[in-house]
């Protein structure tokens, strides 16, 4: 159980000034947090190993191949540009 004295010590270490209400409230909050951490420690990792292995066996990436022929859409993209110079998009000089 977290006492208000424990909260006072932690507040002093952190150089935080707390009111009596805040100390009481934080003691309860910290007790809840530690209870939740205890629940997480009680859960066996072996129970969830099967689910983790099932997800690891599936490849979600596409094959490393070119999706289309090189330059297949270049003319369409250049035609949509506001200005072009040969096979390049023309932009203002930035310096």
C-alpha atoms as a PDB file:
ATOM      1  CA  UNK A   1       0.000   0.000   0.000  1.00  0.00           C
ATOM      2  CA  UNK A   2       1.300   3.427  -0.927  1.00  0.00           C
ATOM      3  CA  UNK A   3       1.019   5.861   1.966  1.00  0.00           C
ATOM      4  CA  UNK A   4       0.878   9.638   1.862  1.00  0.00           C
ATOM      5  CA  UNK A   5       4.342   9.609   3.484  1.00  0.00           C
ATOM      6  CA  UNK A   6       5.662   7.739   0.431  1.00  0.00           C
ATOM      7  CA  UNK A   7       4.044  10.326  -1.827  1.00  0.00           C
ATOM      8  CA  UNK A   8       5.597  13.134   0.240  1.00  0.00           C
ATOM      9  CA  UNK A   9       9.054  11.549  -0.130  1.00  0.00           C
ATOM     10  CA  UNK A  10       8.619  11.186  -3.887  1.00  0.00           C
ATOM     11  CA  UNK A  11       7.345  14.761  -4.169  1.00  0.00           C
ATOM     12  CA  UNK A  12      10.361  16.019  -2.224  1.00  0.00           C
ATOM     13  CA  UNK A  13      12.736  14.087  -4.508  1.00  0.00           C
ATOM     14  CA  UNK A  14      10.993  15.522  -7.557  1.00  0.00           C
ATOM     15  CA  UNK A  15      10.870  18.966  -5.929  1.00  0.00           C
ATOM     16  CA  UNK A  16       7.110  19.156  -6.373  1.00  0.00           C
ATOM     17  CA  UNK A  17       4.883  20.937  -3.883  1.00  0.00           C
ATOM     18  CA  UNK A  18       1.630  19.062  -3.223  1.00  0.00           C
ATOM     19  CA  UNK A  19      -1.449  19.859  -1.199  1.00  0.00           C
ATOM     20  CA  UNK A  20      -2.928  17.326   1.234  1.00  0.00           C
ATOM     21  CA  UNK A  21      -5.698  16.520  -1.274  1.00  0.00           C
ATOM     22  CA  UNK A  22      -3.152  15.914  -4.049  1.00  0.00           C
ATOM     23  CA  UNK A  23      -1.085  13.639  -1.797  1.00  0.00           C
ATOM     24  CA  UNK A  24      -4.139  11.534  -0.960  1.00  0.00           C
ATOM     25  CA  UNK A  25      -5.256  11.415  -4.586  1.00  0.00           C
ATOM     26  CA  UNK A  26      -1.790  10.491  -5.851  1.00  0.00           C
ATOM     27  CA  UNK A  27      -1.450   7.727  -3.249  1.00  0.00           C
ATOM     28  CA  UNK A  28      -4.622   6.122  -4.626  1.00  0.00           C
ATOM     29  CA  UNK A  29      -3.541   6.614  -8.238  1.00  0.00           C
ATOM     30  CA  UNK A  30      -0.120   5.111  -7.572  1.00  0.00           C
ATOM     31  CA  UNK A  31      -1.718   2.142  -5.818  1.00  0.00           C
ATOM     32  CA  UNK A  32      -3.906   1.545  -8.903  1.00  0.00           C
ATOM     33  CA  UNK A  33      -0.906   1.778 -11.226  1.00  0.00           C
ATOM     34  CA  UNK A  34       1.112  -0.693  -9.159  1.00  0.00           C
ATOM     35  CA  UNK A  35      -1.886  -3.058  -9.103  1.00  0.00           C
ATOM     36  CA  UNK A  36      -2.063  -2.916 -12.885  1.00  0.00           C
ATOM     37  CA  UNK A  37       1.669  -3.604 -13.173  1.00  0.00           C
ATOM     38  CA  UNK A  38       1.218  -6.620 -10.888  1.00  0.00           C
ATOM     39  CA  UNK A  39      -1.518  -7.924 -13.197  1.00  0.00           C
ATOM     40  CA  UNK A  40       0.839  -7.603 -16.162  1.00  0.00           C
ATOM     41  CA  UNK A  41       3.553  -9.500 -14.301  1.00  0.00           C
ATOM     42  CA  UNK A  42       1.105 -12.290 -13.432  1.00  0.00           C
ATOM     43  CA  UNK A  43       0.251 -12.927 -17.092  1.00  0.00           C
ATOM     44  CA  UNK A  44       2.346 -15.740 -18.475  1.00  0.00           C
ATOM     45  CA  UNK A  45       4.199 -14.899 -21.650  1.00  0.00           C
ATOM     46  CA  UNK A  46       3.855 -18.535 -22.748  1.00  0.00           C
ATOM     47  CA  UNK A  47       0.069 -18.105 -23.004  1.00  0.00           C
ATOM     48  CA  UNK A  48       0.547 -15.474 -25.710  1.00  0.00           C
ATOM     49  CA  UNK A  49       3.471 -17.068 -27.561  1.00  0.00           C
ATOM     50  CA  UNK A  50       1.160 -18.954 -29.936  1.00  0.00           C
ATOM     51  CA  UNK A  51      -0.581 -15.766 -31.095  1.00  0.00           C
ATOM     52  CA  UNK A  52       2.753 -14.011 -31.620  1.00  0.00           C
ATOM     53  CA  UNK A  53       4.082 -16.902 -33.720  1.00  0.00           C
ATOM     54  CA  UNK A  54       0.944 -16.977 -35.874  1.00  0.00           C
ATOM     55  CA  UNK A  55       1.361 -13.293 -36.776  1.00  0.00           C
ATOM     56  CA  UNK A  56       5.079 -13.664 -37.466  1.00  0.00           C
ATOM     57  CA  UNK A  57       4.511 -16.364 -40.096  1.00  0.00           C
ATOM     58  CA  UNK A  58       2.570 -14.072 -42.438  1.00  0.00           C
ATOM     59  CA  UNK A  59       4.454 -11.871 -44.905  1.00  0.00           C
ATOM     60  CA  UNK A  60       2.606  -8.590 -45.478  1.00  0.00           C
ATOM     61  CA  UNK A  61       5.126  -7.041 -47.867  1.00  0.00           C
ATOM     62  CA  UNK A  62       4.846  -7.190 -51.619  1.00  0.00           C
ATOM     63  CA  UNK A  63       7.611  -8.836 -53.637  1.00  0.00           C
ATOM     64  CA  UNK A  64      10.516  -6.534 -54.438  1.00  0.00           C
ATOM     65  CA  UNK A  65       9.715  -6.015 -58.118  1.00  0.00           C
ATOM     66  CA  UNK A  66       9.198  -2.986 -60.317  1.00  0.00           C
ATOM     67  CA  UNK A  67       5.416  -2.385 -60.399  1.00  0.00           C
ATOM     68  CA  UNK A  68       5.563  -1.062 -63.956  1.00  0.00           C
ATOM     69  CA  UNK A  69       7.984  -0.450 -66.772  1.00  0.00           C
ATOM     70  CA  UNK A  70      10.503   2.363 -66.190  1.00  0.00           C
ATOM     71  CA  UNK A  71       9.267   5.657 -67.650  1.00  0.00           C
ATOM     72  CA  UNK A  72       5.763   4.351 -68.333  1.00  0.00           C
ATOM     73  CA  UNK A  73       4.121   7.417 -66.750  1.00  0.00           C
ATOM     74  CA  UNK A  74       6.830  10.026 -67.347  1.00  0.00           C
ATOM     75  CA  UNK A  75       5.079  11.739 -70.262  1.00  0.00           C
ATOM     76  CA  UNK A  76       1.777  11.947 -68.367  1.00  0.00           C
ATOM     77  CA  UNK A  77       3.528  13.488 -65.338  1.00  0.00           C
ATOM     78  CA  UNK A  78       5.483  15.978 -67.454  1.00  0.00           C
ATOM     79  CA  UNK A  79       2.326  16.975 -69.325  1.00  0.00           C
ATOM     80  CA  UNK A  80       0.671  17.819 -65.987  1.00  0.00           C
ATOM     81  CA  UNK A  81       3.574  20.052 -64.865  1.00  0.00           C
ATOM     82  CA  UNK A  82       3.081  23.838 -65.199  1.00  0.00           C
ATOM     83  CA  UNK A  83       6.362  24.197 -67.126  1.00  0.00           C
ATOM     84  CA  UNK A  84       8.848  21.746 -68.563  1.00  0.00           C
ATOM     85  CA  UNK A  85      12.200  21.787 -70.269  1.00  0.00           C
ATOM     86  CA  UNK A  86      12.787  18.657 -72.333  1.00  0.00           C
ATOM     87  CA  UNK A  87      12.313  15.641 -70.069  1.00  0.00           C
ATOM     88  CA  UNK A  88      12.429  17.686 -66.844  1.00  0.00           C
ATOM     89  CA  UNK A  89       9.984  19.785 -64.832  1.00  0.00           C
ATOM     90  CA  UNK A  90      11.076  23.425 -64.936  1.00  0.00           C
ATOM     91  CA  UNK A  91      11.080  25.192 -61.563  1.00  0.00           C
ATOM     92  CA  UNK A  92      12.132  28.617 -60.328  1.00  0.00           C
ATOM     93  CA  UNK A  93      15.690  29.040 -59.134  1.00  0.00           C
ATOM     94  CA  UNK A  94      15.850  29.040 -55.339  1.00  0.00           C
ATOM     95  CA  UNK A  95      18.932  30.749 -53.963  1.00  0.00           C
END
